[in-house]
Amino acid sequence: DQLATFRRTSAYERYRYLRSLLRGSKPTTDKTEGTPAETNGSKRSMELAFSQIVSMGPLTYSRVARLHNARRKLLDRGRRGKSIGDIAAEEGFWDWSKFSNYYRRQFGELPSDTRDRLAELAN
């Protein structure tokens, strides 16, 4: 079985460590080595490993994840009464114009267009 013989590279361990930090969870240790993954290299080597695994840097990854969370919240019928600005702030976007630009680049529409589509579906 190929999955059973999968050997984690140091780049993969660095990626997992950094991803757990971005998600706000406690970093795990490498069970095969028994050492914390953060000891596997410098800040730059961690960033390079992250980029190697997911083809984007850690900050871009974090922003994309937060944009997807915001989109899910905008499409949540239970949150229709919540303002777009409040939802953006919940995901750490404090500058409305930057949030709007990032959102449009990621999803091809403005956050208000997403919200309007939800209202159309409700009718």
PDB file of N, CA and C in Angstrom:
ATOM      1  N   ASP A   1       0.838  -1.185   0.000  1.00  0.00           N
ATOM      2  CA  ASP A   1       0.000   0.000   0.000  1.00  0.00           C
ATOM      3  C   ASP A   1       0.882   1.247   0.000  1.00  0.00           C
ATOM      4  N   GLN A   2       0.716   2.098  -0.994  1.00  0.00           N
ATOM      5  CA  GLN A   2       1.568   3.288  -1.126  1.00  0.00           C
ATOM      6  C   GLN A   2       1.381   4.255   0.032  1.00  0.00           C
ATOM      7  N   LEU A   3       0.162   4.411   0.485  1.00  0.00           N
ATOM      8  CA  LEU A   3      -0.101   5.355   1.559  1.00  0.00           C
ATOM      9  C   LEU A   3       0.623   4.957   2.844  1.00  0.00           C
ATOM     10  N   ALA A   4       0.681   3.678   3.103  1.00  0.00           N
ATOM     11  CA  ALA A   4       1.350   3.189   4.308  1.00  0.00           C
ATOM     12  C   ALA A   4       2.850   3.445   4.260  1.00  0.00           C
ATOM     13  N   THR A   5       3.424   3.522   3.063  1.00  0.00           N
ATOM     14  CA  THR A   5       4.864   3.726   2.953  1.00  0.00           C
ATOM     15  C   THR A   5       5.229   5.181   2.687  1.00  0.00           C
ATOM     16  N   PHE A   6       4.239   6.079   2.740  1.00  0.00           N
ATOM     17  CA  PHE A   6       4.495   7.500   2.516  1.00  0.00           C
ATOM     18  C   PHE A   6       5.469   8.024   3.557  1.00  0.00           C
ATOM     19  N   ARG A   7       6.544   8.617   3.084  1.00  0.00           N
ATOM     20  CA  ARG A   7       7.537   9.195   3.997  1.00  0.00           C
ATOM     21  C   ARG A   7       7.430  10.706   3.911  1.00  0.00           C
ATOM     22  N   ARG A   8       7.212  11.312   5.035  1.00  0.00           N
ATOM     23  CA  ARG A   8       7.086  12.762   5.077  1.00  0.00           C
ATOM     24  C   ARG A   8       8.457  13.402   4.922  1.00  0.00           C
ATOM     25  N   THR A   9       8.541  14.346   4.021  1.00  0.00           N
ATOM     26  CA  THR A   9       9.787  15.073   3.833  1.00  0.00           C
ATOM     27  C   THR A   9       9.876  16.171   4.877  1.00  0.00           C
ATOM     28  N   SER A  10      11.056  16.728   5.043  1.00  0.00           N
ATOM     29  CA  SER A  10      11.205  17.835   5.992  1.00  0.00           C
ATOM     30  C   SER A  10      10.403  19.039   5.515  1.00  0.00           C
ATOM     31  N   ALA A  11      10.295  19.227   4.193  1.00  0.00           N
ATOM     32  CA  ALA A  11       9.490  20.333   3.657  1.00  0.00           C
ATOM     33  C   ALA A  11       8.029  20.153   4.058  1.00  0.00           C
ATOM     34  N   TYR A  12       7.531  18.925   3.986  1.00  0.00           N
ATOM     35  CA  TYR A  12       6.151  18.663   4.358  1.00  0.00           C
ATOM     36  C   TYR A  12       5.941  18.926   5.847  1.00  0.00           C
ATOM     37  N   GLU A  13       6.871  18.543   6.679  1.00  0.00           N
ATOM     38  CA  GLU A  13       6.757  18.781   8.122  1.00  0.00           C
ATOM     39  C   GLU A  13       6.778  20.280   8.426  1.00  0.00           C
ATOM     40  N   ARG A  14       7.620  21.026   7.723  1.00  0.00           N
ATOM     41  CA  ARG A  14       7.651  22.481   7.902  1.00  0.00           C
ATOM     42  C   ARG A  14       6.316  23.093   7.498  1.00  0.00           C
ATOM     43  N   TYR A  15       5.781  22.627   6.376  1.00  0.00           N
ATOM     44  CA  TYR A  15       4.477  23.107   5.905  1.00  0.00           C
ATOM     45  C   TYR A  15       3.404  22.826   6.950  1.00  0.00           C
ATOM     46  N   ARG A  16       3.355  21.595   7.474  1.00  0.00           N
ATOM     47  CA  ARG A  16       2.341  21.246   8.473  1.00  0.00           C
ATOM     48  C   ARG A  16       2.460  22.118   9.720  1.00  0.00           C
ATOM     49  N   TYR A  17       3.679  22.361  10.146  1.00  0.00           N
ATOM     50  CA  TYR A  17       3.897  23.186  11.329  1.00  0.00           C
ATOM     51  C   TYR A  17       3.374  24.600  11.097  1.00  0.00           C
ATOM     52  N   LEU A  18       3.766  25.202   9.982  1.00  0.00           N
ATOM     53  CA  LEU A  18       3.359  26.572   9.686  1.00  0.00           C
ATOM     54  C   LEU A  18       1.851  26.657   9.472  1.00  0.00           C
ATOM     55  N   ARG A  19       1.255  25.674   8.808  1.00  0.00           N
ATOM     56  CA  ARG A  19      -0.191  25.652   8.595  1.00  0.00           C
ATOM     57  C   ARG A  19      -0.930  25.595   9.928  1.00  0.00           C
ATOM     58  N   SER A  20      -0.439  24.811  10.850  1.00  0.00           N
ATOM     59  CA  SER A  20      -1.102  24.738  12.154  1.00  0.00           C
ATOM     60  C   SER A  20      -1.013  26.073  12.886  1.00  0.00           C
ATOM     61  N   LEU A  21       0.099  26.774  12.735  1.00  0.00           N
ATOM     62  CA  LEU A  21       0.206  28.103  13.346  1.00  0.00           C
ATOM     63  C   LEU A  21      -0.791  29.068  12.719  1.00  0.00           C
ATOM     64  N   LEU A  22      -0.921  29.022  11.400  1.00  0.00           N
ATOM     65  CA  LEU A  22      -1.859  29.906  10.700  1.00  0.00           C
ATOM     66  C   LEU A  22      -3.302  29.621  11.093  1.00  0.00           C
ATOM     67  N   ARG A  23      -3.598  28.371  11.376  1.00  0.00           N
ATOM     68  CA  ARG A  23      -4.954  27.992  11.783  1.00  0.00           C
ATOM     69  C   ARG A  23      -5.209  28.258  13.256  1.00  0.00           C
ATOM     70  N   GLY A  24      -4.173  28.631  13.973  1.00  0.00           N
ATOM     71  CA  GLY A  24      -4.327  28.924  15.386  1.00  0.00           C
ATOM     72  C   GLY A  24      -4.344  27.701  16.284  1.00  0.00           C
ATOM     73  N   SER A  25      -3.891  26.567  15.757  1.00  0.00           N
ATOM     74  CA  SER A  25      -3.859  25.356  16.575  1.00  0.00           C
ATOM     75  C   SER A  25      -2.440  25.078  17.042  1.00  0.00           C
ATOM     76  N   LYS A  26      -2.348  24.189  18.004  1.00  0.00           N
ATOM     77  CA  LYS A  26      -1.042  23.842  18.556  1.00  0.00           C
ATOM     78  C   LYS A  26      -0.257  23.036  17.527  1.00  0.00           C
ATOM     79  N   PRO A  27       0.968  23.461  17.231  1.00  0.00           N
ATOM     80  CA  PRO A  27       1.794  22.696  16.280  1.00  0.00           C
ATOM     81  C   PRO A  27       2.053  21.291  16.795  1.00  0.00           C
ATOM     82  N   THR A  28       2.052  20.350  15.874  1.00  0.00           N
ATOM     83  CA  THR A  28       2.285  18.952  16.242  1.00  0.00           C
ATOM     84  C   THR A  28       3.770  18.648  16.156  1.00  0.00           C
ATOM     85  N   THR A  29       4.134  17.523  16.700  1.00  0.00           N
ATOM     86  CA  THR A  29       5.521  17.080  16.598  1.00  0.00           C
ATOM     87  C   THR A  29       5.608  15.980  15.559  1.00  0.00           C
ATOM     88  N   ASP A  30       6.775  15.814  15.024  1.00  0.00           N
ATOM     89  CA  ASP A  30       7.031  14.754  14.053  1.00  0.00           C
ATOM     90  C   ASP A  30       7.121  13.450  14.840  1.00  0.00           C
ATOM     91  N   LYS A  31       6.165  12.585  14.648  1.00  0.00           N
ATOM     92  CA  LYS A  31       6.099  11.360  15.439  1.00  0.00           C
ATOM     93  C   LYS A  31       7.246  10.405  15.146  1.00  0.00           C
ATOM     94  N   THR A  32       7.812  10.479  13.938  1.00  0.00           N
ATOM     95  CA  THR A  32       8.914   9.567  13.618  1.00  0.00           C
ATOM     96  C   THR A  32      10.210  10.033  14.263  1.00  0.00           C
ATOM     97  N   GLU A  33      10.388  11.318  14.344  1.00  0.00           N
ATOM     98  CA  GLU A  33      11.633  11.855  14.907  1.00  0.00           C
ATOM     99  C   GLU A  33      11.470  12.231  16.376  1.00  0.00           C
ATOM    100  N   GLY A  34      10.230  12.583  16.765  1.00  0.00           N
ATOM    101  CA  GLY A  34       9.995  12.989  18.139  1.00  0.00           C
ATOM    102  C   GLY A  34      10.471  14.393  18.443  1.00  0.00           C
ATOM    103  N   THR A  35      10.733  15.205  17.402  1.00  0.00           N
ATOM    104  CA  THR A  35      11.185  16.577  17.624  1.00  0.00           C
ATOM    105  C   THR A  35      10.156  17.539  17.068  1.00  0.00           C
ATOM    106  N   PRO A  36      10.038  18.704  17.672  1.00  0.00           N
ATOM    107  CA  PRO A  36       9.091  19.676  17.142  1.00  0.00           C
ATOM    108  C   PRO A  36       9.456  20.056  15.708  1.00  0.00           C
ATOM    109  N   ALA A  37       8.449  20.211  14.889  1.00  0.00           N
ATOM    110  CA  ALA A  37       8.687  20.522  13.478  1.00  0.00           C
ATOM    111  C   ALA A  37       9.364  21.877  13.296  1.00  0.00           C
ATOM    112  N   GLU A  38       9.199  22.794  14.253  1.00  0.00           N
ATOM    113  CA  GLU A  38       9.786  24.120  14.076  1.00  0.00           C
ATOM    114  C   GLU A  38      11.312  24.096  14.109  1.00  0.00           C
ATOM    115  N   THR A  39      11.901  23.035  14.600  1.00  0.00           N
ATOM    116  CA  THR A  39      13.362  22.962  14.647  1.00  0.00           C
ATOM    117  C   THR A  39      13.942  22.546  13.307  1.00  0.00           C
ATOM    118  N   ASN A  40      13.089  22.362  12.306  1.00  0.00           N
ATOM    119  CA  ASN A  40      13.545  21.887  11.008  1.00  0.00           C
ATOM    120  C   ASN A  40      14.097  22.975  10.101  1.00  0.00           C
ATOM    121  N   GLY A  41      14.231  24.192  10.557  1.00  0.00           N
ATOM    122  CA  GLY A  41      14.805  25.199   9.693  1.00  0.00           C
ATOM    123  C   GLY A  41      14.475  26.624  10.077  1.00  0.00           C
ATOM    124  N   SER A  42      15.013  27.522   9.274  1.00  0.00           N
ATOM    125  CA  SER A  42      14.828  28.947   9.493  1.00  0.00           C
ATOM    126  C   SER A  42      13.448  29.388   9.030  1.00  0.00           C
ATOM    127  N   LYS A  43      13.128  30.632   9.320  1.00  0.00           N
ATOM    128  CA  LYS A  43      11.856  31.204   8.875  1.00  0.00           C
ATOM    129  C   LYS A  43      11.744  31.113   7.356  1.00  0.00           C
ATOM    130  N   ARG A  44      12.803  31.447   6.654  1.00  0.00           N
ATOM    131  CA  ARG A  44      12.785  31.414   5.191  1.00  0.00           C
ATOM    132  C   ARG A  44      12.620  29.990   4.667  1.00  0.00           C
ATOM    133  N   SER A  45      13.276  29.021   5.284  1.00  0.00           N
ATOM    134  CA  SER A  45      13.127  27.641   4.826  1.00  0.00           C
ATOM    135  C   SER A  45      11.701  27.142   5.076  1.00  0.00           C
ATOM    136  N   MET A  46      11.086  27.639   6.147  1.00  0.00           N
ATOM    137  CA  MET A  46       9.689  27.291   6.419  1.00  0.00           C
ATOM    138  C   MET A  46       8.792  27.859   5.326  1.00  0.00           C
ATOM    139  N   GLU A  47       9.021  29.124   4.945  1.00  0.00           N
ATOM    140  CA  GLU A  47       8.224  29.761   3.894  1.00  0.00           C
ATOM    141  C   GLU A  47       8.402  29.052   2.555  1.00  0.00           C
ATOM    142  N   LEU A  48       9.631  28.695   2.237  1.00  0.00           N
ATOM    143  CA  LEU A  48       9.899  27.984   0.985  1.00  0.00           C
ATOM    144  C   LEU A  48       9.231  26.614   0.965  1.00  0.00           C
ATOM    145  N   ALA A  49       9.283  25.907   2.086  1.00  0.00           N
ATOM    146  CA  ALA A  49       8.638  24.597   2.174  1.00  0.00           C
ATOM    147  C   ALA A  49       7.132  24.742   1.991  1.00  0.00           C
ATOM    148  N   PHE A  50       6.565  25.761   2.601  1.00  0.00           N
ATOM    149  CA  PHE A  50       5.130  26.002   2.475  1.00  0.00           C
ATOM    150  C   PHE A  50       4.774  26.247   1.017  1.00  0.00           C
ATOM    151  N   SER A  51       5.548  27.096   0.360  1.00  0.00           N
ATOM    152  CA  SER A  51       5.299  27.399  -1.050  1.00  0.00           C
ATOM    153  C   SER A  51       5.458  26.172  -1.932  1.00  0.00           C
ATOM    154  N   GLN A  52       6.398  25.331  -1.595  1.00  0.00           N
ATOM    155  CA  GLN A  52       6.634  24.111  -2.371  1.00  0.00           C
ATOM    156  C   GLN A  52       5.430  23.169  -2.293  1.00  0.00           C
ATOM    157  N   ILE A  53       4.801  23.087  -1.148  1.00  0.00           N
ATOM    158  CA  ILE A  53       3.690  22.158  -0.946  1.00  0.00           C
ATOM    159  C   ILE A  53       2.383  22.699  -1.528  1.00  0.00           C
ATOM    160  N   VAL A  54       2.061  23.978  -1.312  1.00  0.00           N
ATOM    161  CA  VAL A  54       0.753  24.504  -1.732  1.00  0.00           C
ATOM    162  C   VAL A  54       0.836  25.574  -2.824  1.00  0.00           C
ATOM    163  N   SER A  55       2.013  25.823  -3.347  1.00  0.00           N
ATOM    164  CA  SER A  55       2.216  26.780  -4.453  1.00  0.00           C
ATOM    165  C   SER A  55       1.804  28.209  -4.126  1.00  0.00           C
ATOM    166  N   MET A  56       1.876  28.559  -2.859  1.00  0.00           N
ATOM    167  CA  MET A  56       1.670  29.947  -2.435  1.00  0.00           C
ATOM    168  C   MET A  56       2.315  30.124  -1.071  1.00  0.00           C
ATOM    169  N   GLY A  57       2.641  31.346  -0.766  1.00  0.00           N
ATOM    170  CA  GLY A  57       3.261  31.623   0.516  1.00  0.00           C
ATOM    171  C   GLY A  57       2.267  31.512   1.658  1.00  0.00           C
ATOM    172  N   PRO A  58       2.753  31.467   2.880  1.00  0.00           N
ATOM    173  CA  PRO A  58       1.868  31.303   4.032  1.00  0.00           C
ATOM    174  C   PRO A  58       0.885  32.455   4.225  1.00  0.00           C
ATOM    175  N   LEU A  59       1.303  33.671   3.942  1.00  0.00           N
ATOM    176  CA  LEU A  59       0.384  34.801   4.125  1.00  0.00           C
ATOM    177  C   LEU A  59      -0.719  34.791   3.072  1.00  0.00           C
ATOM    178  N   THR A  60      -0.368  34.432   1.837  1.00  0.00           N
ATOM    179  CA  THR A  60      -1.375  34.313   0.788  1.00  0.00           C
ATOM    180  C   THR A  60      -2.351  33.200   1.129  1.00  0.00           C
ATOM    181  N   TYR A  61      -1.820  32.074   1.590  1.00  0.00           N
ATOM    182  CA  TYR A  61      -2.662  30.948   2.003  1.00  0.00           C
ATOM    183  C   TYR A  61      -3.645  31.386   3.086  1.00  0.00           C
ATOM    184  N   SER A  62      -3.146  32.114   4.067  1.00  0.00           N
ATOM    185  CA  SER A  62      -3.988  32.588   5.158  1.00  0.00           C
ATOM    186  C   SER A  62      -5.075  33.514   4.626  1.00  0.00           C
ATOM    187  N   ARG A  63      -4.716  34.433   3.743  1.00  0.00           N
ATOM    188  CA  ARG A  63      -5.695  35.363   3.188  1.00  0.00           C
ATOM    189  C   ARG A  63      -6.762  34.618   2.386  1.00  0.00           C
ATOM    190  N   VAL A  64      -6.353  33.663   1.568  1.00  0.00           N
ATOM    191  CA  VAL A  64      -7.312  32.891   0.768  1.00  0.00           C
ATOM    192  C   VAL A  64      -8.259  32.106   1.679  1.00  0.00           C
ATOM    193  N   ALA A  65      -7.729  31.505   2.718  1.00  0.00           N
ATOM    194  CA  ALA A  65      -8.569  30.756   3.661  1.00  0.00           C
ATOM    195  C   ALA A  65      -9.575  31.685   4.333  1.00  0.00           C
ATOM    196  N   ARG A  66      -9.127  32.885   4.733  1.00  0.00           N
ATOM    197  CA  ARG A  66     -10.037  33.842   5.365  1.00  0.00           C
ATOM    198  C   ARG A  66     -11.095  34.340   4.385  1.00  0.00           C
ATOM    199  N   LEU A  67     -10.718  34.509   3.105  1.00  0.00           N
ATOM    200  CA  LEU A  67     -11.693  34.911   2.092  1.00  0.00           C
ATOM    201  C   LEU A  67     -12.760  33.828   1.907  1.00  0.00           C
ATOM    202  N   HIS A  68     -12.342  32.574   1.890  1.00  0.00           N
ATOM    203  CA  HIS A  68     -13.310  31.484   1.760  1.00  0.00           C
ATOM    204  C   HIS A  68     -14.234  31.420   2.980  1.00  0.00           C
ATOM    205  N   ASN A  69     -13.686  31.666   4.154  1.00  0.00           N
ATOM    206  CA  ASN A  69     -14.531  31.708   5.357  1.00  0.00           C
ATOM    207  C   ASN A  69     -15.542  32.837   5.257  1.00  0.00           C
ATOM    208  N   ALA A  70     -15.094  33.999   4.795  1.00  0.00           N
ATOM    209  CA  ALA A  70     -16.000  35.144   4.632  1.00  0.00           C
ATOM    210  C   ALA A  70     -17.097  34.814   3.622  1.00  0.00           C
ATOM    211  N   ARG A  71     -16.737  34.177   2.520  1.00  0.00           N
ATOM    212  CA  ARG A  71     -17.730  33.807   1.497  1.00  0.00           C
ATOM    213  C   ARG A  71     -18.770  32.848   2.077  1.00  0.00           C
ATOM    214  N   ARG A  72     -18.313  31.847   2.836  1.00  0.00           N
ATOM    215  CA  ARG A  72     -19.265  30.924   3.466  1.00  0.00           C
ATOM    216  C   ARG A  72     -20.232  31.680   4.375  1.00  0.00           C
ATOM    217  N   LYS A  73     -19.698  32.639   5.114  1.00  0.00           N
ATOM    218  CA  LYS A  73     -20.549  33.419   6.016  1.00  0.00           C
ATOM    219  C   LYS A  73     -21.516  34.308   5.234  1.00  0.00           C
ATOM    220  N   LEU A  74     -21.065  34.877   4.115  1.00  0.00           N
ATOM    221  CA  LEU A  74     -21.950  35.706   3.289  1.00  0.00           C
ATOM    222  C   LEU A  74     -23.087  34.882   2.685  1.00  0.00           C
ATOM    223  N   LEU A  75     -22.840  33.619   2.426  1.00  0.00           N
ATOM    224  CA  LEU A  75     -23.850  32.740   1.840  1.00  0.00           C
ATOM    225  C   LEU A  75     -24.706  32.016   2.881  1.00  0.00           C
ATOM    226  N   ASP A  76     -24.387  32.242   4.144  1.00  0.00           N
ATOM    227  CA  ASP A  76     -25.133  31.611   5.233  1.00  0.00           C
ATOM    228  C   ASP A  76     -26.428  32.389   5.486  1.00  0.00           C
ATOM    229  N   ARG A  77     -27.553  31.723   5.280  1.00  0.00           N
ATOM    230  CA  ARG A  77     -28.863  32.388   5.449  1.00  0.00           C
ATOM    231  C   ARG A  77     -29.059  32.898   6.867  1.00  0.00           C
ATOM    232  N   GLY A  78     -28.472  32.236   7.822  1.00  0.00           N
ATOM    233  CA  GLY A  78     -28.594  32.659   9.214  1.00  0.00           C
ATOM    234  C   GLY A  78     -27.841  33.947   9.524  1.00  0.00           C
ATOM    235  N   ARG A  79     -27.002  34.386   8.610  1.00  0.00           N
ATOM    236  CA  ARG A  79     -26.215  35.604   8.826  1.00  0.00           C
ATOM    237  C   ARG A  79     -26.657  36.747   7.918  1.00  0.00           C
ATOM    238  N   ARG A  80     -27.825  36.621   7.313  1.00  0.00           N
ATOM    239  CA  ARG A  80     -28.296  37.663   6.393  1.00  0.00           C
ATOM    240  C   ARG A  80     -28.370  39.030   7.047  1.00  0.00           C
ATOM    241  N   GLY A  81     -28.666  39.081   8.330  1.00  0.00           N
ATOM    242  CA  GLY A  81     -28.783  40.352   9.029  1.00  0.00           C
ATOM    243  C   GLY A  81     -27.443  40.988   9.382  1.00  0.00           C
ATOM    244  N   LYS A  82     -26.384  40.246   9.253  1.00  0.00           N
ATOM    245  CA  LYS A  82     -25.047  40.751   9.602  1.00  0.00           C
ATOM    246  C   LYS A  82     -24.474  41.525   8.419  1.00  0.00           C
ATOM    247  N   SER A  83     -23.847  42.649   8.695  1.00  0.00           N
ATOM    248  CA  SER A  83     -23.292  43.465   7.601  1.00  0.00           C
ATOM    249  C   SER A  83     -22.065  42.795   6.993  1.00  0.00           C
ATOM    250  N   ILE A  84     -21.814  43.122   5.741  1.00  0.00           N
ATOM    251  CA  ILE A  84     -20.643  42.588   5.045  1.00  0.00           C
ATOM    252  C   ILE A  84     -19.373  43.037   5.762  1.00  0.00           C
ATOM    253  N   GLY A  85     -19.355  44.275   6.214  1.00  0.00           N
ATOM    254  CA  GLY A  85     -18.197  44.799   6.942  1.00  0.00           C
ATOM    255  C   GLY A  85     -17.921  44.029   8.222  1.00  0.00           C
ATOM    256  N   ASP A  86     -18.981  43.659   8.935  1.00  0.00           N
ATOM    257  CA  ASP A  86     -18.810  42.876  10.167  1.00  0.00           C
ATOM    258  C   ASP A  86     -18.248  41.492   9.859  1.00  0.00           C
ATOM    259  N   ILE A  87     -18.741  40.885   8.784  1.00  0.00           N
ATOM    260  CA  ILE A  87     -18.238  39.565   8.394  1.00  0.00           C
ATOM    261  C   ILE A  87     -16.773  39.665   7.981  1.00  0.00           C
ATOM    262  N   ALA A  88     -16.438  40.708   7.229  1.00  0.00           N
ATOM    263  CA  ALA A  88     -15.039  40.910   6.830  1.00  0.00           C
ATOM    264  C   ALA A  88     -14.157  41.077   8.067  1.00  0.00           C
ATOM    265  N   ALA A  89     -14.627  41.865   9.024  1.00  0.00           N
ATOM    266  CA  ALA A  89     -13.852  42.089  10.251  1.00  0.00           C
ATOM    267  C   ALA A  89     -13.680  40.799  11.048  1.00  0.00           C
ATOM    268  N   GLU A  90     -14.706  39.945  11.072  1.00  0.00           N
ATOM    269  CA  GLU A  90     -14.596  38.660  11.766  1.00  0.00           C
ATOM    270  C   GLU A  90     -13.449  37.833  11.206  1.00  0.00           C
ATOM    271  N   GLU A  91     -13.180  38.005   9.925  1.00  0.00           N
ATOM    272  CA  GLU A  91     -12.110  37.243   9.275  1.00  0.00           C
ATOM    273  C   GLU A  91     -10.790  38.023   9.214  1.00  0.00           C
ATOM    274  N   GLY A  92     -10.729  39.146   9.904  1.00  0.00           N
ATOM    275  CA  GLY A  92      -9.476  39.892  10.013  1.00  0.00           C
ATOM    276  C   GLY A  92      -9.221  40.893   8.901  1.00  0.00           C
ATOM    277  N   PHE A  93     -10.238  41.229   8.136  1.00  0.00           N
ATOM    278  CA  PHE A  93     -10.100  42.254   7.093  1.00  0.00           C
ATOM    279  C   PHE A  93     -10.671  43.559   7.635  1.00  0.00           C
ATOM    280  N   TRP A  94      -9.780  44.500   7.933  1.00  0.00           N
ATOM    281  CA  TRP A  94     -10.204  45.750   8.548  1.00  0.00           C
ATOM    282  C   TRP A  94     -10.348  46.863   7.529  1.00  0.00           C
ATOM    283  N   ASP A  95      -9.768  46.713   6.387  1.00  0.00           N
ATOM    284  CA  ASP A  95      -9.848  47.717   5.328  1.00  0.00           C
ATOM    285  C   ASP A  95     -10.859  47.232   4.290  1.00  0.00           C
ATOM    286  N   TRP A  96     -12.011  47.906   4.229  1.00  0.00           N
ATOM    287  CA  TRP A  96     -13.103  47.469   3.369  1.00  0.00           C
ATOM    288  C   TRP A  96     -12.675  47.396   1.908  1.00  0.00           C
ATOM    289  N   SER A  97     -11.955  48.392   1.407  1.00  0.00           N
ATOM    290  CA  SER A  97     -11.593  48.398  -0.016  1.00  0.00           C
ATOM    291  C   SER A  97     -10.619  47.258  -0.346  1.00  0.00           C
ATOM    292  N   LYS A  98      -9.676  46.978   0.554  1.00  0.00           N
ATOM    293  CA  LYS A  98      -8.767  45.856   0.314  1.00  0.00           C
ATOM    294  C   LYS A  98      -9.530  44.540   0.325  1.00  0.00           C
ATOM    295  N   PHE A  99     -10.425  44.384   1.294  1.00  0.00           N
ATOM    296  CA  PHE A  99     -11.231  43.169   1.353  1.00  0.00           C
ATOM    297  C   PHE A  99     -12.017  42.990   0.058  1.00  0.00           C
ATOM    298  N   SER A 100     -12.636  44.051  -0.389  1.00  0.00           N
ATOM    299  CA  SER A 100     -13.438  44.005  -1.608  1.00  0.00           C
ATOM    300  C   SER A 100     -12.584  43.634  -2.824  1.00  0.00           C
ATOM    301  N   ASN A 101     -11.392  44.225  -2.919  1.00  0.00           N
ATOM    302  CA  ASN A 101     -10.489  43.917  -4.033  1.00  0.00           C
ATOM    303  C   ASN A 101     -10.006  42.475  -3.983  1.00  0.00           C
ATOM    304  N   TYR A 102      -9.590  42.015  -2.808  1.00  0.00           N
ATOM    305  CA  TYR A 102      -9.147  40.628  -2.656  1.00  0.00           C
ATOM    306  C   TYR A 102     -10.291  39.677  -3.012  1.00  0.00           C
ATOM    307  N   TYR A 103     -11.478  39.990  -2.507  1.00  0.00           N
ATOM    308  CA  TYR A 103     -12.642  39.144  -2.737  1.00  0.00           C
ATOM    309  C   TYR A 103     -12.952  39.050  -4.222  1.00  0.00           C
ATOM    310  N   ARG A 104     -12.941  40.190  -4.905  1.00  0.00           N
ATOM    311  CA  ARG A 104     -13.231  40.195  -6.339  1.00  0.00           C
ATOM    312  C   ARG A 104     -12.191  39.388  -7.112  1.00  0.00           C
ATOM    313  N   ARG A 105     -10.925  39.540  -6.754  1.00  0.00           N
ATOM    314  CA  ARG A 105      -9.876  38.765  -7.430  1.00  0.00           C
ATOM    315  C   ARG A 105     -10.034  37.269  -7.196  1.00  0.00           C
ATOM    316  N   GLN A 106     -10.446  36.894  -6.005  1.00  0.00           N
ATOM    317  CA  GLN A 106     -10.578  35.478  -5.665  1.00  0.00           C
ATOM    318  C   GLN A 106     -11.828  34.841  -6.285  1.00  0.00           C
ATOM    319  N   PHE A 107     -12.956  35.554  -6.251  1.00  0.00           N
ATOM    320  CA  PHE A 107     -14.232  34.949  -6.633  1.00  0.00           C
ATOM    321  C   PHE A 107     -14.883  35.549  -7.875  1.00  0.00           C
ATOM    322  N   GLY A 108     -14.304  36.627  -8.418  1.00  0.00           N
ATOM    323  CA  GLY A 108     -14.839  37.212  -9.636  1.00  0.00           C
ATOM    324  C   GLY A 108     -16.098  38.039  -9.443  1.00  0.00           C
ATOM    325  N   GLU A 109     -16.382  38.386  -8.225  1.00  0.00           N
ATOM    326  CA  GLU A 109     -17.541  39.228  -7.932  1.00  0.00           C
ATOM    327  C   GLU A 109     -17.303  39.965  -6.620  1.00  0.00           C
ATOM    328  N   LEU A 110     -18.055  41.020  -6.402  1.00  0.00           N
ATOM    329  CA  LEU A 110     -17.961  41.766  -5.156  1.00  0.00           C
ATOM    330  C   LEU A 110     -18.696  41.022  -4.039  1.00  0.00           C
ATOM    331  N   PRO A 111     -18.319  41.267  -2.793  1.00  0.00           N
ATOM    332  CA  PRO A 111     -19.042  40.634  -1.690  1.00  0.00           C
ATOM    333  C   PRO A 111     -20.538  40.972  -1.718  1.00  0.00           C
ATOM    334  N   SER A 112     -20.864  42.175  -2.127  1.00  0.00           N
ATOM    335  CA  SER A 112     -22.279  42.559  -2.197  1.00  0.00           C
ATOM    336  C   SER A 112     -23.020  41.752  -3.260  1.00  0.00           C
ATOM    337  N   ASP A 113     -22.339  41.383  -4.356  1.00  0.00           N
ATOM    338  CA  ASP A 113     -22.957  40.534  -5.379  1.00  0.00           C
ATOM    339  C   ASP A 113     -23.271  39.148  -4.808  1.00  0.00           C
ATOM    340  N   THR A 114     -22.362  38.632  -4.001  1.00  0.00           N
ATOM    341  CA  THR A 114     -22.587  37.339  -3.355  1.00  0.00           C
ATOM    342  C   THR A 114     -23.796  37.438  -2.438  1.00  0.00           C
ATOM    343  N   ARG A 115     -23.848  38.490  -1.652  1.00  0.00           N
ATOM    344  CA  ARG A 115     -24.972  38.699  -0.728  1.00  0.00           C
ATOM    345  C   ARG A 115     -26.288  38.872  -1.493  1.00  0.00           C
ATOM    346  N   ASP A 116     -26.246  39.621  -2.617  1.00  0.00           N
ATOM    347  CA  ASP A 116     -27.450  39.823  -3.431  1.00  0.00           C
ATOM    348  C   ASP A 116     -27.955  38.493  -3.989  1.00  0.00           C
ATOM    349  N   ARG A 117     -27.058  37.628  -4.400  1.00  0.00           N
ATOM    350  CA  ARG A 117     -27.438  36.316  -4.926  1.00  0.00           C
ATOM    351  C   ARG A 117     -28.151  35.497  -3.860  1.00  0.00           C
ATOM    352  N   LEU A 118     -27.701  35.611  -2.614  1.00  0.00           N
ATOM    353  CA  LEU A 118     -28.351  34.920  -1.516  1.00  0.00           C
ATOM    354  C   LEU A 118     -29.769  35.436  -1.341  1.00  0.00           C
ATOM    355  N   ALA A 119     -29.932  36.752  -1.454  1.00  0.00           N
ATOM    356  CA  ALA A 119     -31.264  37.348  -1.313  1.00  0.00           C
ATOM    357  C   ALA A 119     -32.181  36.877  -2.450  1.00  0.00           C
ATOM    358  N   GLU A 120     -31.652  36.744  -3.649  1.00  0.00           N
ATOM    359  CA  GLU A 120     -32.436  36.264  -4.786  1.00  0.00           C
ATOM    360  C   GLU A 120     -32.882  34.822  -4.569  1.00  0.00           C
ATOM    361  N   LEU A 121     -32.008  34.008  -4.016  1.00  0.00           N
ATOM    362  CA  LEU A 121     -32.336  32.610  -3.768  1.00  0.00           C
ATOM    363  C   LEU A 121     -33.428  32.481  -2.704  1.00  0.00           C
ATOM    364  N   ALA A 122     -33.454  33.427  -1.778  1.00  0.00           N
ATOM    365  CA  ALA A 122     -34.440  33.381  -0.693  1.00  0.00           C
ATOM    366  C   ALA A 122     -35.833  33.733  -1.191  1.00  0.00           C
ATOM    367  N   ASN A 123     -35.903  34.495  -2.290  1.00  0.00           N
ATOM    368  CA  ASN A 123     -37.215  34.911  -2.817  1.00  0.00           C
ATOM    369  C   ASN A 123     -37.841  33.895  -3.700  1.00  0.00           C
TER     370      ASN A 123
END
